Amino acid sequence: MSSTETSRVPLFATMQRIPGGLMLIPLVLGTLVATLAPGALEIGSFTTGLFKDSATPLIALLIFATGMQVSARSSGPVLAHAGTVLLTKSLIPAGLVVLLGVFVGVDGILGISLLGLLACVDNSNGGLWLAFAGQYGDERDRGAYMASAVNDGPFLTMLFLGASGFGDIPVTDLIAAIVPFLLGVIIGNIDAEWRRVMDPVPHIVIPFFAFALGTGIDLGDVVTGGLTGILVGVVVAPFTGFLVYLGYRFLLRRGKQSGIGFAAGTTAGNAIATPAIVAAADPKFAEYVGTATAQVASSVLVTAILAPLIASFVLKRAGALKTQPTPQVEPS
């Protein structure tokens, strides 16, 4: 599109004006399709491949492209940011949940099992984080995605349950989640042209994989999770986001930009599968799988809505709500 051509309907601009809109709007649309017309995207070929099955490869491409933007000069700050997010979003909250479990046991509290709580708090929605950081942050924030690469899936849940003698840690899967990022770092540092070409990738792939992730969330599951699932999401977003905010403010000293930390107060879509995976490793948790899965699904949707709204509110109050310009690809 030329610089003089205008949009008849400014879809992209509207999505950008909504905090995390590039991720949030397609996610909600995908959820509606999965709920109202679950078979619509099962016709096969490219339709199914793009709109239903594309989440994993597109997120992998986004991880690779993010790694390419991390230069050798910025690797230190990126690692500091990733470590801070991992500490404040995953390790501290998970530790608090395990501490709670010492007093209430694996049954948890208010109908929310220890398994369900861990699956909701010890991970984060890396796609939403990248979408928000790409819009309001810089390469240090985008590179902090590595925290999501580490905490995504059942790894930390099994690790913390393992502290009480439960579960195994699939180390190879953990390594596999980080490989695309590391390859991106290597290629981006030896070829600046590749880095420039890959710069617009986030704006291209985020809406598509967000929609695909949404098709894995049925609103019926959210309803099944009931008030307990919604309650978890309402607590996870501000509480864990606030912990990351504190890390940004006092450990990283980001000042007015510290509000970005609230965007990490989410539950990852992949966490919906965590209860079943944990139960497969330890059948003692099987009785909690159904309820915990519904509660995690509720938390995924609720936190995806609340976290970017809270983050943008805090940034606005601090006078730091500045959208990054959309990268442009120069004509060859």
C-alpha atoms as a PDB file:
ATOM      1  CA  MET A   1       0.000   0.000   0.000  1.00  0.00           C
ATOM      2  CA  SER A   2       1.457   3.337  -0.984  1.00  0.00           C
ATOM      3  CA  SER A   3       1.899   6.148   1.534  1.00  0.00           C
ATOM      4  CA  THR A   4      -0.903   8.162  -0.134  1.00  0.00           C
ATOM      5  CA  GLU A   5      -3.487   5.374  -0.192  1.00  0.00           C
ATOM      6  CA  THR A   6      -6.016   5.429   2.651  1.00  0.00           C
ATOM      7  CA  SER A   7      -7.985   2.580   4.190  1.00  0.00           C
ATOM      8  CA  ARG A   8     -11.717   2.407   3.572  1.00  0.00           C
ATOM      9  CA  VAL A   9     -12.058   0.676   6.953  1.00  0.00           C
ATOM     10  CA  PRO A  10      -9.044   1.219   9.286  1.00  0.00           C
ATOM     11  CA  LEU A  11      -9.018  -2.284  10.744  1.00  0.00           C
ATOM     12  CA  PHE A  12      -5.306  -2.404  11.572  1.00  0.00           C
ATOM     13  CA  ALA A  13      -5.231   1.092  13.060  1.00  0.00           C
ATOM     14  CA  THR A  14      -8.254   0.277  15.226  1.00  0.00           C
ATOM     15  CA  MET A  15      -6.620  -2.902  16.494  1.00  0.00           C
ATOM     16  CA  GLN A  16      -3.480  -0.962  17.391  1.00  0.00           C
ATOM     17  CA  ARG A  17      -5.445   1.613  19.364  1.00  0.00           C
ATOM     18  CA  ILE A  18      -6.766  -1.128  21.647  1.00  0.00           C
ATOM     19  CA  PRO A  19      -4.177  -2.269  24.232  1.00  0.00           C
ATOM     20  CA  GLY A  20      -2.860  -5.603  22.969  1.00  0.00           C
ATOM     21  CA  GLY A  21      -5.455  -5.390  20.202  1.00  0.00           C
ATOM     22  CA  LEU A  22      -3.358  -7.214  17.607  1.00  0.00           C
ATOM     23  CA  MET A  23      -3.493 -10.240  19.900  1.00  0.00           C
ATOM     24  CA  LEU A  24      -6.723  -9.730  21.800  1.00  0.00           C
ATOM     25  CA  ILE A  25      -9.236  -9.078  18.986  1.00  0.00           C
ATOM     26  CA  PRO A  26      -8.278 -12.110  16.839  1.00  0.00           C
ATOM     27  CA  LEU A  27      -8.141 -14.266  20.005  1.00  0.00           C
ATOM     28  CA  VAL A  28     -11.719 -13.333  20.908  1.00  0.00           C
ATOM     29  CA  LEU A  29     -12.882 -13.834  17.310  1.00  0.00           C
ATOM     30  CA  GLY A  30     -11.280 -17.280  17.232  1.00  0.00           C
ATOM     31  CA  THR A  31     -12.969 -18.141  20.524  1.00  0.00           C
ATOM     32  CA  LEU A  32     -16.360 -17.100  19.125  1.00  0.00           C
ATOM     33  CA  VAL A  33     -15.849 -19.240  16.025  1.00  0.00           C
ATOM     34  CA  ALA A  34     -14.802 -22.238  18.138  1.00  0.00           C
ATOM     35  CA  THR A  35     -17.898 -21.805  20.287  1.00  0.00           C
ATOM     36  CA  LEU A  36     -20.564 -20.956  17.712  1.00  0.00           C
ATOM     37  CA  ALA A  37     -19.309 -22.900  14.692  1.00  0.00           C
ATOM     38  CA  PRO A  38     -16.737 -25.443  15.912  1.00  0.00           C
ATOM     39  CA  GLY A  39     -16.634 -27.326  12.612  1.00  0.00           C
ATOM     40  CA  ALA A  40     -16.303 -24.304  10.343  1.00  0.00           C
ATOM     41  CA  LEU A  41     -12.522 -24.467  10.202  1.00  0.00           C
ATOM     42  CA  GLU A  42     -12.281 -28.234   9.768  1.00  0.00           C
ATOM     43  CA  ILE A  43     -12.715 -28.196   5.986  1.00  0.00           C
ATOM     44  CA  GLY A  44      -9.020 -28.882   5.563  1.00  0.00           C
ATOM     45  CA  SER A  45      -6.260 -27.607   3.278  1.00  0.00           C
ATOM     46  CA  PHE A  46      -5.032 -24.035   3.695  1.00  0.00           C
ATOM     47  CA  THR A  47      -8.117 -22.842   5.565  1.00  0.00           C
ATOM     48  CA  THR A  48      -7.581 -25.260   8.434  1.00  0.00           C
ATOM     49  CA  GLY A  49      -3.821 -24.867   8.215  1.00  0.00           C
ATOM     50  CA  LEU A  50      -3.900 -21.078   8.583  1.00  0.00           C
ATOM     51  CA  PHE A  51      -6.850 -20.383  10.835  1.00  0.00           C
ATOM     52  CA  LYS A  52      -6.805 -23.403  13.156  1.00  0.00           C
ATOM     53  CA  ASP A  53      -3.456 -25.212  13.112  1.00  0.00           C
ATOM     54  CA  SER A  54      -1.029 -22.317  12.608  1.00  0.00           C
ATOM     55  CA  ALA A  55      -0.432 -21.222  16.196  1.00  0.00           C
ATOM     56  CA  THR A  56       2.676 -23.295  16.913  1.00  0.00           C
ATOM     57  CA  PRO A  57       4.632 -22.610  13.673  1.00  0.00           C
ATOM     58  CA  LEU A  58       3.682 -18.909  13.620  1.00  0.00           C
ATOM     59  CA  ILE A  59       4.666 -18.433  17.254  1.00  0.00           C
ATOM     60  CA  ALA A  60       7.927 -20.222  16.450  1.00  0.00           C
ATOM     61  CA  LEU A  61       8.486 -17.776  13.570  1.00  0.00           C
ATOM     62  CA  LEU A  62       7.763 -14.877  15.913  1.00  0.00           C
ATOM     63  CA  ILE A  63      10.241 -16.242  18.450  1.00  0.00           C
ATOM     64  CA  PHE A  64      12.858 -16.558  15.698  1.00  0.00           C
ATOM     65  CA  ALA A  65      12.195 -13.012  14.452  1.00  0.00           C
ATOM     66  CA  THR A  66      12.356 -11.649  17.998  1.00  0.00           C
ATOM     67  CA  GLY A  67      15.727 -13.291  18.505  1.00  0.00           C
ATOM     68  CA  MET A  68      17.004 -11.645  15.325  1.00  0.00           C
ATOM     69  CA  GLN A  69      16.361  -8.210  16.813  1.00  0.00           C
ATOM     70  CA  VAL A  70      18.607  -8.902  19.799  1.00  0.00           C
ATOM     71  CA  SER A  71      22.049  -7.569  19.018  1.00  0.00           C
ATOM     72  CA  ALA A  72      25.192  -8.526  20.886  1.00  0.00           C
ATOM     73  CA  ARG A  73      25.184  -5.088  22.469  1.00  0.00           C
ATOM     74  CA  SER A  74      21.692  -5.559  23.879  1.00  0.00           C
ATOM     75  CA  SER A  75      21.970  -9.196  24.981  1.00  0.00           C
ATOM     76  CA  GLY A  76      22.826  -8.259  28.564  1.00  0.00           C
ATOM     77  CA  PRO A  77      19.770  -6.028  29.093  1.00  0.00           C
ATOM     78  CA  VAL A  78      17.555  -8.594  27.318  1.00  0.00           C
ATOM     79  CA  LEU A  79      18.689 -11.384  29.635  1.00  0.00           C
ATOM     80  CA  ALA A  80      18.171  -9.104  32.635  1.00  0.00           C
ATOM     81  CA  HIS A  81      14.617  -8.365  31.544  1.00  0.00           C
ATOM     82  CA  ALA A  82      13.832 -12.013  30.784  1.00  0.00           C
ATOM     83  CA  GLY A  83      15.243 -13.113  34.131  1.00  0.00           C
ATOM     84  CA  THR A  84      13.244 -10.465  35.971  1.00  0.00           C
ATOM     85  CA  VAL A  85       9.996 -11.487  34.248  1.00  0.00           C
ATOM     86  CA  LEU A  86      10.658 -15.176  34.931  1.00  0.00           C
ATOM     87  CA  LEU A  87      11.397 -14.474  38.597  1.00  0.00           C
ATOM     88  CA  THR A  88       8.445 -12.181  39.276  1.00  0.00           C
ATOM     89  CA  LYS A  89       5.809 -13.775  37.016  1.00  0.00           C
ATOM     90  CA  SER A  90       6.590 -17.446  37.489  1.00  0.00           C
ATOM     91  CA  LEU A  91       8.960 -18.395  40.284  1.00  0.00           C
ATOM     92  CA  ILE A  92       7.635 -16.135  43.044  1.00  0.00           C
ATOM     93  CA  PRO A  93       3.911 -16.751  42.332  1.00  0.00           C
ATOM     94  CA  ALA A  94       4.468 -20.509  42.011  1.00  0.00           C
ATOM     95  CA  GLY A  95       6.415 -20.488  45.261  1.00  0.00           C
ATOM     96  CA  LEU A  96       3.535 -18.704  46.992  1.00  0.00           C
ATOM     97  CA  VAL A  97       1.042 -21.262  45.630  1.00  0.00           C
ATOM     98  CA  VAL A  98       3.176 -24.151  46.898  1.00  0.00           C
ATOM     99  CA  LEU A  99       3.423 -22.391  50.273  1.00  0.00           C
ATOM    100  CA  LEU A 100      -0.373 -22.139  50.303  1.00  0.00           C
ATOM    101  CA  GLY A 101      -0.503 -25.852  49.529  1.00  0.00           C
ATOM    102  CA  VAL A 102       1.426 -26.584  52.724  1.00  0.00           C
ATOM    103  CA  PHE A 103      -1.587 -25.313  54.652  1.00  0.00           C
ATOM    104  CA  VAL A 104      -4.535 -26.327  52.446  1.00  0.00           C
ATOM    105  CA  GLY A 105      -3.160 -29.414  50.673  1.00  0.00           C
ATOM    106  CA  VAL A 106      -3.568 -30.396  47.014  1.00  0.00           C
ATOM    107  CA  ASP A 107      -7.318 -29.766  47.212  1.00  0.00           C
ATOM    108  CA  GLY A 108      -6.520 -26.052  47.246  1.00  0.00           C
ATOM    109  CA  ILE A 109      -9.002 -23.394  48.287  1.00  0.00           C
ATOM    110  CA  LEU A 110     -12.491 -22.245  47.211  1.00  0.00           C
ATOM    111  CA  GLY A 111     -12.788 -25.165  44.815  1.00  0.00           C
ATOM    112  CA  ILE A 112      -9.509 -24.269  43.076  1.00  0.00           C
ATOM    113  CA  SER A 113      -6.991 -27.086  43.359  1.00  0.00           C
ATOM    114  CA  LEU A 114      -3.271 -26.629  43.831  1.00  0.00           C
ATOM    115  CA  LEU A 115      -2.849 -27.998  40.300  1.00  0.00           C
ATOM    116  CA  GLY A 116      -5.292 -25.442  38.870  1.00  0.00           C
ATOM    117  CA  LEU A 117      -3.654 -22.539  40.698  1.00  0.00           C
ATOM    118  CA  LEU A 118      -0.161 -23.466  39.544  1.00  0.00           C
ATOM    119  CA  ALA A 119      -1.303 -23.934  35.951  1.00  0.00           C
ATOM    120  CA  CYS A 120      -2.788 -20.428  36.009  1.00  0.00           C
ATOM    121  CA  VAL A 121      -0.012 -18.439  37.710  1.00  0.00           C
ATOM    122  CA  ASP A 122       3.363 -19.929  36.798  1.00  0.00           C
ATOM    123  CA  ASN A 123       3.278 -19.151  33.057  1.00  0.00           C
ATOM    124  CA  SER A 124       2.469 -16.198  30.803  1.00  0.00           C
ATOM    125  CA  ASN A 125       0.965 -15.492  27.393  1.00  0.00           C
ATOM    126  CA  GLY A 126       4.101 -14.891  25.331  1.00  0.00           C
ATOM    127  CA  GLY A 127       2.141 -13.880  22.238  1.00  0.00           C
ATOM    128  CA  LEU A 128       0.262 -11.145  24.070  1.00  0.00           C
ATOM    129  CA  TRP A 129       3.470 -10.001  25.735  1.00  0.00           C
ATOM    130  CA  LEU A 130       5.198  -9.707  22.359  1.00  0.00           C
ATOM    131  CA  ALA A 131       2.211  -7.862  20.908  1.00  0.00           C
ATOM    132  CA  PHE A 132       2.101  -5.376  23.791  1.00  0.00           C
ATOM    133  CA  ALA A 133       5.879  -4.966  24.067  1.00  0.00           C
ATOM    134  CA  GLY A 134       6.145  -4.487  20.314  1.00  0.00           C
ATOM    135  CA  GLN A 135       3.584  -1.689  20.541  1.00  0.00           C
ATOM    136  CA  TYR A 136       4.754   0.106  23.678  1.00  0.00           C
ATOM    137  CA  GLY A 137       8.187  -1.280  24.563  1.00  0.00           C
ATOM    138  CA  ASP A 138      11.587  -1.802  22.972  1.00  0.00           C
ATOM    139  CA  GLU A 139      13.881  -4.685  22.061  1.00  0.00           C
ATOM    140  CA  ARG A 140      14.669  -5.367  25.725  1.00  0.00           C
ATOM    141  CA  ASP A 141      10.998  -5.915  26.450  1.00  0.00           C
ATOM    142  CA  ARG A 142      10.421  -8.005  23.327  1.00  0.00           C
ATOM    143  CA  GLY A 143      13.478 -10.107  24.122  1.00  0.00           C
ATOM    144  CA  ALA A 144      12.045 -10.774  27.584  1.00  0.00           C
ATOM    145  CA  TYR A 145       9.807 -13.217  25.715  1.00  0.00           C
ATOM    146  CA  MET A 146      12.464 -15.767  26.680  1.00  0.00           C
ATOM    147  CA  ALA A 147      10.742 -15.914  30.060  1.00  0.00           C
ATOM    148  CA  SER A 148       7.604 -17.157  28.307  1.00  0.00           C
ATOM    149  CA  ALA A 149       9.677 -19.701  26.383  1.00  0.00           C
ATOM    150  CA  VAL A 150      10.838 -21.089  29.720  1.00  0.00           C
ATOM    151  CA  ASN A 151       7.557 -20.946  31.628  1.00  0.00           C
ATOM    152  CA  ASP A 152       5.264 -22.043  28.780  1.00  0.00           C
ATOM    153  CA  GLY A 153       3.678 -25.459  29.167  1.00  0.00           C
ATOM    154  CA  PRO A 154       3.691 -27.822  32.146  1.00  0.00           C
ATOM    155  CA  PHE A 155       7.391 -27.550  33.006  1.00  0.00           C
ATOM    156  CA  LEU A 156       7.275 -25.231  36.018  1.00  0.00           C
ATOM    157  CA  THR A 157       4.031 -26.745  37.293  1.00  0.00           C
ATOM    158  CA  MET A 158       5.641 -30.175  37.318  1.00  0.00           C
ATOM    159  CA  LEU A 159       8.833 -28.721  38.789  1.00  0.00           C
ATOM    160  CA  PHE A 160       7.070 -27.148  41.752  1.00  0.00           C
ATOM    161  CA  LEU A 161       4.846 -30.159  42.293  1.00  0.00           C
ATOM    162  CA  GLY A 162       8.007 -32.223  42.049  1.00  0.00           C
ATOM    163  CA  ALA A 163       9.331 -30.391  45.076  1.00  0.00           C
ATOM    164  CA  SER A 164       6.723 -32.424  46.964  1.00  0.00           C
ATOM    165  CA  GLY A 165       7.665 -35.613  45.105  1.00  0.00           C
ATOM    166  CA  PHE A 166       5.368 -35.337  42.038  1.00  0.00           C
ATOM    167  CA  GLY A 167       6.028 -35.180  38.281  1.00  0.00           C
ATOM    168  CA  ASP A 168       8.964 -35.210  35.890  1.00  0.00           C
ATOM    169  CA  ILE A 169      10.569 -32.356  33.961  1.00  0.00           C
ATOM    170  CA  PRO A 170      10.732 -32.790  30.142  1.00  0.00           C
ATOM    171  CA  VAL A 171      14.051 -30.979  29.673  1.00  0.00           C
ATOM    172  CA  THR A 172      14.218 -31.673  25.931  1.00  0.00           C
ATOM    173  CA  ASP A 173      10.916 -29.865  25.375  1.00  0.00           C
ATOM    174  CA  LEU A 174      12.209 -26.907  27.350  1.00  0.00           C
ATOM    175  CA  ILE A 175      15.336 -26.736  25.206  1.00  0.00           C
ATOM    176  CA  ALA A 176      13.275 -27.050  22.026  1.00  0.00           C
ATOM    177  CA  ALA A 177      11.210 -24.009  23.008  1.00  0.00           C
ATOM    178  CA  ILE A 178      14.317 -21.811  23.232  1.00  0.00           C
ATOM    179  CA  VAL A 179      16.198 -23.021  20.126  1.00  0.00           C
ATOM    180  CA  PRO A 180      14.360 -20.765  17.593  1.00  0.00           C
ATOM    181  CA  PHE A 181      15.153 -17.685  19.689  1.00  0.00           C
ATOM    182  CA  LEU A 182      18.838 -18.578  19.981  1.00  0.00           C
ATOM    183  CA  LEU A 183      19.101 -19.281  16.241  1.00  0.00           C
ATOM    184  CA  GLY A 184      17.488 -15.907  15.576  1.00  0.00           C
ATOM    185  CA  VAL A 185      20.048 -14.188  17.793  1.00  0.00           C
ATOM    186  CA  ILE A 186      22.923 -15.865  15.949  1.00  0.00           C
ATOM    187  CA  ILE A 187      21.646 -15.102  12.428  1.00  0.00           C
ATOM    188  CA  GLY A 188      20.589 -11.563  13.326  1.00  0.00           C
ATOM    189  CA  ASN A 189      24.051 -10.777  14.629  1.00  0.00           C
ATOM    190  CA  ILE A 190      25.897 -12.081  11.570  1.00  0.00           C
ATOM    191  CA  ASP A 191      23.548 -10.654   8.943  1.00  0.00           C
ATOM    192  CA  ALA A 192      22.019  -7.216   9.510  1.00  0.00           C
ATOM    193  CA  GLU A 193      20.025  -7.509   6.265  1.00  0.00           C
ATOM    194  CA  TRP A 194      18.145 -10.539   7.562  1.00  0.00           C
ATOM    195  CA  ARG A 195      17.452  -8.628  10.774  1.00  0.00           C
ATOM    196  CA  ARG A 196      15.924  -5.757   8.775  1.00  0.00           C
ATOM    197  CA  VAL A 197      13.785  -8.078   6.661  1.00  0.00           C
ATOM    198  CA  MET A 198      12.402  -9.872   9.728  1.00  0.00           C
ATOM    199  CA  ASP A 199      11.598  -6.681  11.632  1.00  0.00           C
ATOM    200  CA  PRO A 200       7.903  -6.469  10.515  1.00  0.00           C
ATOM    201  CA  VAL A 201       7.177 -10.128  11.317  1.00  0.00           C
ATOM    202  CA  PRO A 202       5.373  -9.473  14.650  1.00  0.00           C
ATOM    203  CA  HIS A 203       2.747  -7.274  13.018  1.00  0.00           C
ATOM    204  CA  ILE A 204       2.218  -9.919  10.334  1.00  0.00           C
ATOM    205  CA  VAL A 205       1.939 -13.132  12.360  1.00  0.00           C
ATOM    206  CA  ILE A 206       0.415 -12.060  15.696  1.00  0.00           C
ATOM    207  CA  PRO A 207      -3.197 -11.658  14.464  1.00  0.00           C
ATOM    208  CA  PHE A 208      -3.095 -15.043  12.720  1.00  0.00           C
ATOM    209  CA  PHE A 209      -1.697 -17.151  15.550  1.00  0.00           C
ATOM    210  CA  ALA A 210      -3.922 -15.304  18.049  1.00  0.00           C
ATOM    211  CA  PHE A 211      -6.997 -16.351  16.056  1.00  0.00           C
ATOM    212  CA  ALA A 212      -5.702 -19.934  15.903  1.00  0.00           C
ATOM    213  CA  LEU A 213      -5.150 -19.950  19.675  1.00  0.00           C
ATOM    214  CA  GLY A 214      -8.683 -18.641  20.136  1.00  0.00           C
ATOM    215  CA  THR A 215     -10.112 -21.606  18.233  1.00  0.00           C
ATOM    216  CA  GLY A 216      -8.777 -23.801  21.025  1.00  0.00           C
ATOM    217  CA  ILE A 217     -10.866 -22.005  23.656  1.00  0.00           C
ATOM    218  CA  ASP A 218     -14.558 -22.868  23.888  1.00  0.00           C
ATOM    219  CA  LEU A 219     -16.655 -20.325  25.791  1.00  0.00           C
ATOM    220  CA  GLY A 220     -18.539 -23.330  27.143  1.00  0.00           C
ATOM    221  CA  ASP A 221     -15.380 -24.293  29.038  1.00  0.00           C
ATOM    222  CA  VAL A 222     -15.130 -20.772  30.409  1.00  0.00           C
ATOM    223  CA  VAL A 223     -18.723 -21.022  31.624  1.00  0.00           C
ATOM    224  CA  THR A 224     -18.028 -24.472  33.072  1.00  0.00           C
ATOM    225  CA  GLY A 225     -15.157 -22.951  35.018  1.00  0.00           C
ATOM    226  CA  GLY A 226     -17.781 -20.697  36.534  1.00  0.00           C
ATOM    227  CA  LEU A 227     -17.087 -18.034  39.080  1.00  0.00           C
ATOM    228  CA  THR A 228     -14.001 -19.841  40.365  1.00  0.00           C
ATOM    229  CA  GLY A 229     -12.292 -19.722  36.968  1.00  0.00           C
ATOM    230  CA  ILE A 230     -13.202 -16.079  36.443  1.00  0.00           C
ATOM    231  CA  LEU A 231     -12.048 -15.328  39.989  1.00  0.00           C
ATOM    232  CA  VAL A 232      -8.659 -16.882  39.261  1.00  0.00           C
ATOM    233  CA  GLY A 233      -8.249 -14.735  36.153  1.00  0.00           C
ATOM    234  CA  VAL A 234      -9.331 -11.574  37.945  1.00  0.00           C
ATOM    235  CA  VAL A 235      -6.717 -12.244  40.649  1.00  0.00           C
ATOM    236  CA  VAL A 236      -3.909 -13.494  38.393  1.00  0.00           C
ATOM    237  CA  ALA A 237      -3.885 -10.457  36.099  1.00  0.00           C
ATOM    238  CA  PRO A 238      -3.362  -7.666  38.662  1.00  0.00           C
ATOM    239  CA  PHE A 239      -1.449  -9.696  41.259  1.00  0.00           C
ATOM    240  CA  THR A 240       1.181 -11.355  39.094  1.00  0.00           C
ATOM    241  CA  GLY A 241       1.294  -8.289  36.831  1.00  0.00           C
ATOM    242  CA  PHE A 242       2.031  -6.143  39.870  1.00  0.00           C
ATOM    243  CA  LEU A 243       4.924  -8.413  40.831  1.00  0.00           C
ATOM    244  CA  VAL A 244       6.436  -7.958  37.357  1.00  0.00           C
ATOM    245  CA  TYR A 245       5.781  -4.220  37.615  1.00  0.00           C
ATOM    246  CA  LEU A 246       7.801  -4.163  40.850  1.00  0.00           C
ATOM    247  CA  GLY A 247      10.614  -6.027  39.096  1.00  0.00           C
ATOM    248  CA  TYR A 248      10.571  -3.521  36.240  1.00  0.00           C
ATOM    249  CA  ARG A 249      10.541  -0.575  38.603  1.00  0.00           C
ATOM    250  CA  PHE A 250      13.040  -1.589  41.267  1.00  0.00           C
ATOM    251  CA  LEU A 251      15.253  -4.257  39.670  1.00  0.00           C
ATOM    252  CA  LEU A 252      15.399  -2.973  36.095  1.00  0.00           C
ATOM    253  CA  ARG A 253      14.757   0.675  37.021  1.00  0.00           C
ATOM    254  CA  ARG A 254      12.580   1.355  33.996  1.00  0.00           C
ATOM    255  CA  GLY A 255      10.804   4.317  35.585  1.00  0.00           C
ATOM    256  CA  LYS A 256       7.701   5.398  33.673  1.00  0.00           C
ATOM    257  CA  GLN A 257       7.937   2.332  31.426  1.00  0.00           C
ATOM    258  CA  SER A 258       7.531  -0.028  34.379  1.00  0.00           C
ATOM    259  CA  GLY A 259       3.823  -0.371  33.648  1.00  0.00           C
ATOM    260  CA  ILE A 260       4.725  -2.707  30.790  1.00  0.00           C
ATOM    261  CA  GLY A 261       5.245  -5.343  33.468  1.00  0.00           C
ATOM    262  CA  PHE A 262       1.486  -5.633  34.012  1.00  0.00           C
ATOM    263  CA  ALA A 263       1.180  -7.070  30.474  1.00  0.00           C
ATOM    264  CA  ALA A 264       2.839 -10.240  31.793  1.00  0.00           C
ATOM    265  CA  GLY A 265      -0.051 -10.869  34.207  1.00  0.00           C
ATOM    266  CA  THR A 266      -1.569 -13.537  31.975  1.00  0.00           C
ATOM    267  CA  THR A 267      -2.154 -17.262  31.700  1.00  0.00           C
ATOM    268  CA  ALA A 268      -0.765 -18.905  28.561  1.00  0.00           C
ATOM    269  CA  GLY A 269      -3.128 -20.674  26.172  1.00  0.00           C
ATOM    270  CA  ASN A 270      -0.937 -23.767  26.303  1.00  0.00           C
ATOM    271  CA  ALA A 271      -1.602 -23.975  30.051  1.00  0.00           C
ATOM    272  CA  ILE A 272      -5.066 -25.364  29.274  1.00  0.00           C
ATOM    273  CA  ALA A 273      -3.375 -28.703  28.583  1.00  0.00           C
ATOM    274  CA  THR A 274      -1.221 -28.617  31.732  1.00  0.00           C
ATOM    275  CA  PRO A 275      -3.639 -30.352  34.156  1.00  0.00           C
ATOM    276  CA  ALA A 276      -4.046 -33.359  31.845  1.00  0.00           C
ATOM    277  CA  ILE A 277      -0.296 -33.604  31.241  1.00  0.00           C
ATOM    278  CA  VAL A 278       0.455 -33.484  34.954  1.00  0.00           C
ATOM    279  CA  ALA A 279      -2.201 -36.134  35.648  1.00  0.00           C
ATOM    280  CA  ALA A 280      -0.658 -38.370  32.996  1.00  0.00           C
ATOM    281  CA  ALA A 281       2.617 -38.156  34.896  1.00  0.00           C
ATOM    282  CA  ASP A 282       0.979 -38.641  38.281  1.00  0.00           C
ATOM    283  CA  PRO A 283      -2.517 -40.226  38.336  1.00  0.00           C
ATOM    284  CA  LYS A 284      -3.119 -38.795  41.815  1.00  0.00           C
ATOM    285  CA  PHE A 285      -4.060 -35.519  40.128  1.00  0.00           C
ATOM    286  CA  ALA A 286      -6.586 -37.109  37.739  1.00  0.00           C
ATOM    287  CA  GLU A 287      -9.586 -36.146  39.878  1.00  0.00           C
ATOM    288  CA  TYR A 288      -8.709 -32.454  39.516  1.00  0.00           C
ATOM    289  CA  VAL A 289      -8.205 -32.383  35.744  1.00  0.00           C
ATOM    290  CA  GLY A 290     -11.724 -31.518  34.589  1.00  0.00           C
ATOM    291  CA  THR A 291     -12.328 -28.604  36.931  1.00  0.00           C
ATOM    292  CA  ALA A 292      -8.762 -27.317  36.682  1.00  0.00           C
ATOM    293  CA  THR A 293      -8.848 -27.334  32.863  1.00  0.00           C
ATOM    294  CA  ALA A 294     -12.057 -25.283  32.818  1.00  0.00           C
ATOM    295  CA  GLN A 295     -10.611 -22.853  35.345  1.00  0.00           C
ATOM    296  CA  VAL A 296      -7.411 -22.429  33.349  1.00  0.00           C
ATOM    297  CA  ALA A 297      -9.432 -21.772  30.180  1.00  0.00           C
ATOM    298  CA  SER A 298     -11.343 -19.050  32.013  1.00  0.00           C
ATOM    299  CA  SER A 299      -8.105 -17.536  33.293  1.00  0.00           C
ATOM    300  CA  VAL A 300      -6.590 -17.519  29.797  1.00  0.00           C
ATOM    301  CA  LEU A 301      -9.462 -15.456  28.414  1.00  0.00           C
ATOM    302  CA  VAL A 302      -9.940 -13.158  31.419  1.00  0.00           C
ATOM    303  CA  THR A 303      -6.243 -12.342  31.796  1.00  0.00           C
ATOM    304  CA  ALA A 304      -5.844 -11.767  28.044  1.00  0.00           C
ATOM    305  CA  ILE A 305      -8.447  -9.021  28.397  1.00  0.00           C
ATOM    306  CA  LEU A 306      -7.405  -7.544  31.749  1.00  0.00           C
ATOM    307  CA  ALA A 307      -3.593  -7.577  31.568  1.00  0.00           C
ATOM    308  CA  PRO A 308      -3.132  -5.231  28.570  1.00  0.00           C
ATOM    309  CA  LEU A 309      -5.883  -2.939  29.883  1.00  0.00           C
ATOM    310  CA  ILE A 310      -4.192  -2.626  33.274  1.00  0.00           C
ATOM    311  CA  ALA A 311      -0.757  -2.171  31.676  1.00  0.00           C
ATOM    312  CA  SER A 312      -1.962   0.558  29.334  1.00  0.00           C
ATOM    313  CA  PHE A 313      -3.764   2.319  32.203  1.00  0.00           C
ATOM    314  CA  VAL A 314      -0.604   2.357  34.337  1.00  0.00           C
ATOM    315  CA  LEU A 315       1.531   3.521  31.402  1.00  0.00           C
ATOM    316  CA  LYS A 316      -0.956   6.275  30.612  1.00  0.00           C
ATOM    317  CA  ARG A 317      -0.993   7.465  34.212  1.00  0.00           C
ATOM    318  CA  ALA A 318       2.803   7.615  34.100  1.00  0.00           C
ATOM    319  CA  GLY A 319       2.770   9.517  30.781  1.00  0.00           C
ATOM    320  CA  ALA A 320       4.554   6.683  28.980  1.00  0.00           C
ATOM    321  CA  LEU A 321       1.833   5.340  26.650  1.00  0.00           C
ATOM    322  CA  LYS A 322       3.664   5.802  23.365  1.00  0.00           C
ATOM    323  CA  THR A 323       3.019   3.468  20.463  1.00  0.00           C
ATOM    324  CA  GLN A 324       6.041   2.258  18.523  1.00  0.00           C
ATOM    325  CA  PRO A 325       5.821   2.931  14.755  1.00  0.00           C
ATOM    326  CA  THR A 326       4.908  -0.024  12.572  1.00  0.00           C
ATOM    327  CA  PRO A 327       8.038  -1.338  10.801  1.00  0.00           C
ATOM    328  CA  GLN A 328       7.982  -0.846   7.039  1.00  0.00           C
ATOM    329  CA  VAL A 329       9.569  -3.142   4.475  1.00  0.00           C
ATOM    330  CA  GLU A 330      11.420  -1.199   1.820  1.00  0.00           C
ATOM    331  CA  PRO A 331      10.597  -2.205  -1.764  1.00  0.00           C
ATOM    332  CA  SER A 332      13.279  -4.332  -3.351  1.00  0.00           C
END
